[in-house]
Protein backbone atom coordinates (compact mmCIF):
# COMPACT_ATOMS: atom_id res chain seq x y z
CA MET A 1 0.62 -98.37 7.24
CA TYR A 2 3.42 -97.32 9.39
CA SER A 3 4.86 -97.17 13.13
CA VAL A 4 2.82 -94.47 15.08
CA ASN A 5 2.10 -93.73 18.13
CA TYR A 6 -1.85 -92.48 19.34
CA GLN A 7 -2.57 -90.58 22.15
CA ARG A 8 -5.37 -89.36 23.22
CA ALA A 9 -5.88 -85.82 24.61
CA ALA A 10 -8.12 -84.80 27.62
CA SER A 11 -8.17 -80.96 27.40
CA VAL A 12 -7.22 -78.38 24.49
CA ASP A 13 -3.58 -77.87 26.79
CA ASP A 14 -3.13 -81.37 27.02
CA ALA A 15 -3.00 -81.88 23.17
CA VAL A 16 -1.15 -79.14 22.21
CA LYS A 17 1.60 -80.45 25.18
CA LYS A 18 0.84 -83.97 23.59
CA ALA A 19 1.93 -82.75 19.89
CA GLN A 20 5.59 -80.93 21.13
CA GLY A 21 8.30 -82.15 20.33
CA GLY A 22 7.94 -84.69 16.50
CA ASP A 23 5.97 -84.19 14.07
CA ALA A 24 2.12 -84.92 15.88
CA LYS A 25 -0.71 -84.42 13.74
CA PHE A 26 -3.91 -83.52 15.70
CA LEU A 27 -7.08 -85.96 14.55
CA SER A 28 -10.41 -84.88 14.85
CA GLY A 29 -12.87 -87.08 12.31
CA GLY A 30 -9.73 -88.20 10.26
CA MET A 31 -11.29 -88.38 6.91
CA THR A 32 -8.34 -86.89 5.92
CA LEU A 33 -5.41 -87.31 7.43
CA ILE A 34 -6.18 -91.21 7.84
CA PRO A 35 -6.23 -92.26 4.05
CA ALA A 36 -3.11 -89.63 3.75
CA MET A 37 -1.75 -91.93 6.24
CA LYS A 38 -2.50 -95.05 4.59
CA THR A 39 -1.08 -94.04 1.42
CA ARG A 40 2.41 -92.47 2.82
CA LEU A 41 0.87 -89.17 1.76
CA ALA A 42 1.39 -88.25 5.45
CA ALA A 43 3.54 -89.81 7.42
CA PRO A 44 3.43 -88.35 11.95
CA SER A 45 4.95 -89.30 14.36
CA ASP A 46 1.98 -88.93 16.92
CA VAL A 47 -1.77 -88.62 16.30
CA ILE A 48 -3.04 -87.01 19.29
CA ASP A 49 -7.15 -87.84 19.38
CA LEU A 50 -9.24 -84.50 19.87
CA MET A 51 -12.71 -86.32 19.67
CA HIS A 52 -13.11 -86.93 23.29
CA ILE A 53 -12.18 -83.32 24.73
CA PRO A 54 -15.04 -81.81 26.83
CA GLY A 55 -16.08 -78.39 25.24
CA LEU A 56 -15.49 -79.34 21.54
CA LYS A 57 -18.58 -80.47 20.72
CA GLY A 58 -21.72 -78.75 19.99
CA ILE A 59 -23.22 -76.21 18.91
CA THR A 60 -24.52 -73.15 20.60
CA ILE A 61 -27.35 -70.37 19.50
CA SER A 62 -27.37 -66.86 21.25
CA GLY A 63 -30.26 -64.58 19.12
CA ASN A 64 -28.60 -64.61 15.57
CA ASP A 65 -25.16 -65.66 16.92
CA VAL A 66 -23.94 -69.19 16.30
CA THR A 67 -20.93 -71.03 17.98
CA ILE A 68 -20.28 -74.29 16.59
CA GLY A 69 -17.53 -76.46 18.62
CA ALA A 70 -14.76 -78.01 16.41
CA ALA A 71 -14.95 -81.38 17.10
CA THR A 72 -19.40 -81.23 16.58
CA THR A 73 -19.81 -83.23 13.22
CA HIS A 74 -21.27 -83.04 9.74
CA ALA A 75 -24.08 -85.08 10.94
CA GLU A 76 -24.90 -83.29 13.79
CA VAL A 77 -24.51 -79.84 12.52
CA ALA A 78 -27.48 -81.33 9.49
CA ALA A 79 -29.25 -82.39 12.12
CA ASP A 80 -29.55 -79.54 14.26
CA GLN A 81 -33.00 -77.76 14.37
CA ALA A 82 -32.32 -74.13 15.60
CA LEU A 83 -29.40 -74.16 13.30
CA LYS A 84 -31.35 -75.55 10.21
CA LYS A 85 -34.40 -72.56 11.39
CA LEU A 86 -31.60 -69.71 11.63
CA CYS A 87 -29.31 -70.79 9.35
CA PRO A 88 -30.39 -72.82 6.47
CA ALA A 89 -28.29 -72.36 3.86
CA ILE A 90 -25.55 -74.00 6.20
CA SER A 91 -27.52 -77.24 7.55
CA HIS A 92 -28.30 -78.01 3.50
CA LEU A 93 -24.24 -77.63 3.32
CA ALA A 94 -23.51 -80.07 5.76
CA ALA A 95 -26.20 -82.54 4.93
CA HIS A 96 -24.62 -82.99 1.63
CA ILE A 97 -21.23 -83.88 2.84
CA GLY A 98 -19.27 -87.32 1.51
CA ASP A 99 -21.62 -90.12 2.50
CA PRO A 100 -23.27 -91.08 5.61
CA HIS A 101 -19.68 -92.41 7.07
CA VAL A 102 -18.37 -89.73 6.18
CA ARG A 103 -20.84 -87.14 7.99
CA HIS A 104 -20.97 -89.07 11.02
CA ARG A 105 -16.79 -88.82 11.67
CA GLY A 106 -15.97 -85.65 9.76
CA THR A 107 -15.90 -82.36 11.59
CA ILE A 108 -16.45 -79.10 10.95
CA GLY A 109 -13.07 -77.78 12.75
CA GLY A 110 -10.53 -80.70 10.83
CA SER A 111 -12.32 -79.94 7.93
CA ILE A 112 -11.16 -75.82 7.74
CA ALA A 113 -7.95 -76.84 9.46
CA ASN A 114 -6.92 -78.93 6.39
CA ASN A 115 -8.64 -76.53 3.69
CA ASP A 116 -8.73 -79.09 0.73
CA PRO A 117 -9.60 -77.06 -1.93
CA ALA A 118 -12.81 -78.72 -3.02
CA ALA A 119 -14.15 -79.04 0.41
CA ASP A 120 -17.26 -77.70 1.39
CA TYR A 121 -17.02 -75.36 4.88
CA PRO A 122 -14.44 -73.30 3.95
CA ALA A 123 -16.63 -71.56 1.19
CA ALA A 124 -19.30 -71.09 4.06
CA MET A 125 -17.02 -69.80 6.79
CA LEU A 126 -15.94 -67.52 4.28
CA ALA A 127 -19.25 -66.14 2.68
CA LEU A 128 -20.72 -65.62 6.25
CA GLY A 129 -17.47 -63.47 7.80
CA ALA A 130 -17.00 -66.20 10.05
CA THR A 131 -14.59 -65.87 12.73
CA ILE A 132 -12.29 -68.63 13.95
CA VAL A 133 -11.73 -69.36 16.97
CA THR A 134 -8.05 -71.13 18.43
CA ASN A 135 -6.37 -72.17 21.50
CA GLN A 136 -4.58 -69.32 20.88
CA ARG A 137 -7.13 -66.31 19.63
CA GLU A 138 -9.85 -65.57 17.13
CA ILE A 139 -9.11 -65.07 12.89
CA PRO A 140 -11.57 -63.57 10.87
CA ALA A 141 -11.91 -66.26 7.80
CA ASP A 142 -10.98 -63.72 5.55
CA GLU A 143 -7.52 -64.57 7.04
CA PHE A 144 -7.65 -67.71 7.81
CA PHE A 145 -7.70 -69.55 4.26
CA THR A 146 -4.27 -68.61 3.37
CA GLY A 147 -3.77 -71.07 -0.28
CA LEU A 148 -4.53 -74.76 -0.99
CA PHE A 149 -4.30 -76.82 2.32
CA GLU A 150 -3.05 -73.80 4.35
CA THR A 151 -4.35 -71.60 6.82
CA ALA A 152 -2.91 -68.55 9.32
CA LEU A 153 -2.84 -71.62 11.95
CA GLU A 154 1.22 -71.64 13.67
CA GLU A 155 2.68 -74.68 15.29
CA GLY A 156 0.87 -75.41 18.37
CA GLU A 157 -2.22 -74.04 17.71
CA MET A 158 -6.23 -75.81 16.80
CA VAL A 159 -8.77 -74.76 16.03
CA THR A 160 -11.72 -74.93 18.96
CA ALA A 161 -14.62 -73.78 17.29
CA VAL A 162 -16.27 -71.68 14.51
CA ARG A 163 -18.57 -68.24 15.20
CA PHE A 164 -20.64 -66.27 12.80
CA ALA A 165 -24.06 -64.26 12.71
CA ALA A 166 -26.99 -65.40 10.78
CA PRO A 167 -27.30 -63.71 7.87
CA GLY A 168 -30.46 -62.54 6.52
CA THR A 169 -30.36 -64.29 3.48
CA ALA A 170 -28.02 -67.53 2.25
CA GLY A 171 -27.90 -70.12 -0.07
CA TYR A 172 -25.08 -73.15 -1.42
CA ALA A 173 -24.99 -75.27 -4.62
CA LYS A 174 -22.49 -77.59 -5.73
CA PHE A 175 -21.91 -79.38 -8.62
CA PRO A 176 -20.79 -82.70 -6.48
CA ASN A 177 -17.95 -85.09 -8.12
CA PRO A 178 -19.84 -88.70 -8.65
CA ALA A 179 -17.56 -90.96 -6.04
CA SER A 180 -16.17 -88.53 -3.91
CA ARG A 181 -18.69 -85.93 -3.37
CA TYR A 182 -15.97 -83.05 -2.82
CA ALA A 183 -17.52 -79.88 -4.62
CA VAL A 184 -16.47 -79.93 -8.14
CA THR A 185 -17.03 -76.26 -7.91
CA GLY A 186 -19.62 -75.09 -5.17
CA VAL A 187 -20.83 -71.28 -4.62
CA PHE A 188 -21.99 -69.97 -1.16
CA VAL A 189 -24.10 -66.52 -1.25
CA VAL A 190 -24.82 -64.13 1.56
CA LYS A 191 -27.02 -61.06 2.08
CA GLY A 192 -26.53 -59.42 4.99
CA ASN A 193 -26.43 -56.32 7.45
CA ASP A 194 -22.89 -55.85 5.68
CA GLY A 195 -23.86 -56.43 2.23
CA VAL A 196 -23.56 -59.79 -0.23
CA ARG A 197 -20.74 -61.98 -0.03
CA VAL A 198 -19.95 -64.51 -2.26
CA ALA A 199 -17.23 -67.43 -2.05
CA VAL A 200 -16.66 -70.07 -4.19
CA THR A 201 -14.77 -73.21 -3.14
CA GLY A 202 -13.42 -76.04 -5.81
CA ALA A 203 -12.55 -74.00 -8.42
CA GLY A 204 -9.71 -71.66 -7.74
CA GLU A 205 -5.74 -72.69 -8.56
CA ASP A 206 -5.19 -71.43 -4.46
CA GLY A 207 -8.35 -72.44 -2.77
CA VAL A 208 -11.72 -70.95 -1.64
CA PHE A 209 -11.73 -67.27 -2.83
CA ARG A 210 -14.55 -64.55 -2.96
CA SER A 211 -16.06 -63.88 -6.34
CA GLN A 212 -15.71 -59.90 -6.86
CA GLU A 213 -17.87 -60.32 -10.23
CA ILE A 214 -20.81 -62.04 -8.50
CA GLU A 215 -21.01 -59.86 -5.36
CA ALA A 216 -21.41 -56.76 -7.35
CA ALA A 217 -24.10 -58.21 -9.23
CA LEU A 218 -25.88 -59.27 -6.30
CA ALA A 219 -25.53 -56.26 -4.63
CA LYS A 220 -27.52 -54.62 -7.15
CA LYS A 221 -30.08 -57.09 -7.07
CA PHE A 222 -30.15 -60.18 -5.00
CA ASP A 223 -31.76 -62.73 -7.58
CA ALA A 224 -30.68 -65.20 -9.78
CA SER A 225 -31.69 -63.11 -13.31
CA ALA A 226 -28.67 -60.61 -12.02
CA LEU A 227 -25.87 -62.78 -13.16
CA ASP A 228 -27.62 -64.05 -16.40
CA GLY A 229 -24.67 -63.26 -19.10
CA ILE A 230 -22.35 -63.07 -16.67
CA GLN A 231 -19.01 -63.56 -17.70
CA ILE A 232 -16.41 -65.44 -14.62
CA PRO A 233 -12.15 -65.11 -15.99
CA SER A 234 -10.66 -68.45 -16.18
CA ASP A 235 -7.44 -66.84 -14.91
CA GLY A 236 -6.43 -68.43 -11.96
CA LEU A 237 -9.06 -71.61 -12.09
CA MET A 238 -7.93 -75.43 -11.74
CA SER A 239 -7.55 -77.66 -14.46
CA ASP A 240 -7.59 -81.30 -13.60
CA ILE A 241 -9.32 -84.73 -15.14
CA HIS A 242 -12.91 -83.34 -13.93
CA ALA A 243 -13.18 -79.93 -15.52
CA SER A 244 -10.88 -77.31 -17.19
CA PRO A 245 -10.68 -73.73 -15.77
CA GLU A 246 -13.16 -72.45 -18.65
CA TYR A 247 -15.36 -75.28 -17.28
CA ARG A 248 -15.67 -74.47 -13.82
CA ALA A 249 -16.59 -70.38 -14.88
CA ASN A 250 -19.13 -71.28 -16.69
CA LEU A 251 -20.05 -73.94 -13.16
CA ILE A 252 -19.68 -70.71 -10.56
CA ALA A 253 -22.16 -68.80 -12.40
CA VAL A 254 -24.64 -71.46 -12.83
CA MET A 255 -23.79 -72.73 -9.30
CA ALA A 256 -23.93 -69.04 -8.51
CA LYS A 257 -27.36 -69.02 -10.00
CA ARG A 258 -28.73 -71.78 -7.96
CA ALA A 259 -27.49 -70.79 -4.62
CA VAL A 260 -29.50 -67.38 -4.57
CA ALA A 261 -32.44 -69.30 -6.23
CA ALA A 262 -31.67 -71.48 -3.30
CA ALA A 263 -31.77 -68.82 -0.36
CA ASN A 264 -34.89 -66.43 -1.94
CA GLY A 265 -36.91 -69.93 -1.94
């Protein structure tokens, strides 16, 4: 490690003020930032701890409308009984992120702000048509995720909450990396009042994306059988030591079937 200034923020405004001048990074759960600093992939001048800011934690449900504070941990999302009843798919997703240590430290806000191409939450936010709330504005998920580790967040802007309407039906399935539990490929499917939305994580060269082919097939019949024989293009899919683009294309179809079966189950 190298010299770094640690600062604990008392409020959102305080965090933004502390981050001005220099190369500061916001610290939520630290599940990505701390390892990146240890391996010197990141070298911020200041680390601004957000975990003690009142109002950034917690889950609020009003009818079908769900608001989750940015500092809410994966374990808290997984364990919330009201959320599990209203939208079991996102509780299931949270319960299968990483290991217990990651789930009890990592946060939903940190995950989507980092936008790792193999993270689970970006797929949920995109498929649910969520709104990402920041200290400055509200950003539709369709506009928030802009590329590998890239988002629409601007300098001095931080995620404070996510908000979405619980759909009538939703499901998530992923093929996890056995070591990290990140998604080699994961698919989140939603059937709601606005139709079918399907988001894929772990597979795209540019990060999370919606699958038009699967959405079109499920719009006709929201059943796993509707995806029999579907062909997913391998163009634009990642190739790495874990899987080829062609293998990921096949995984998208398989995980989509499992996600639909879970949603209908």
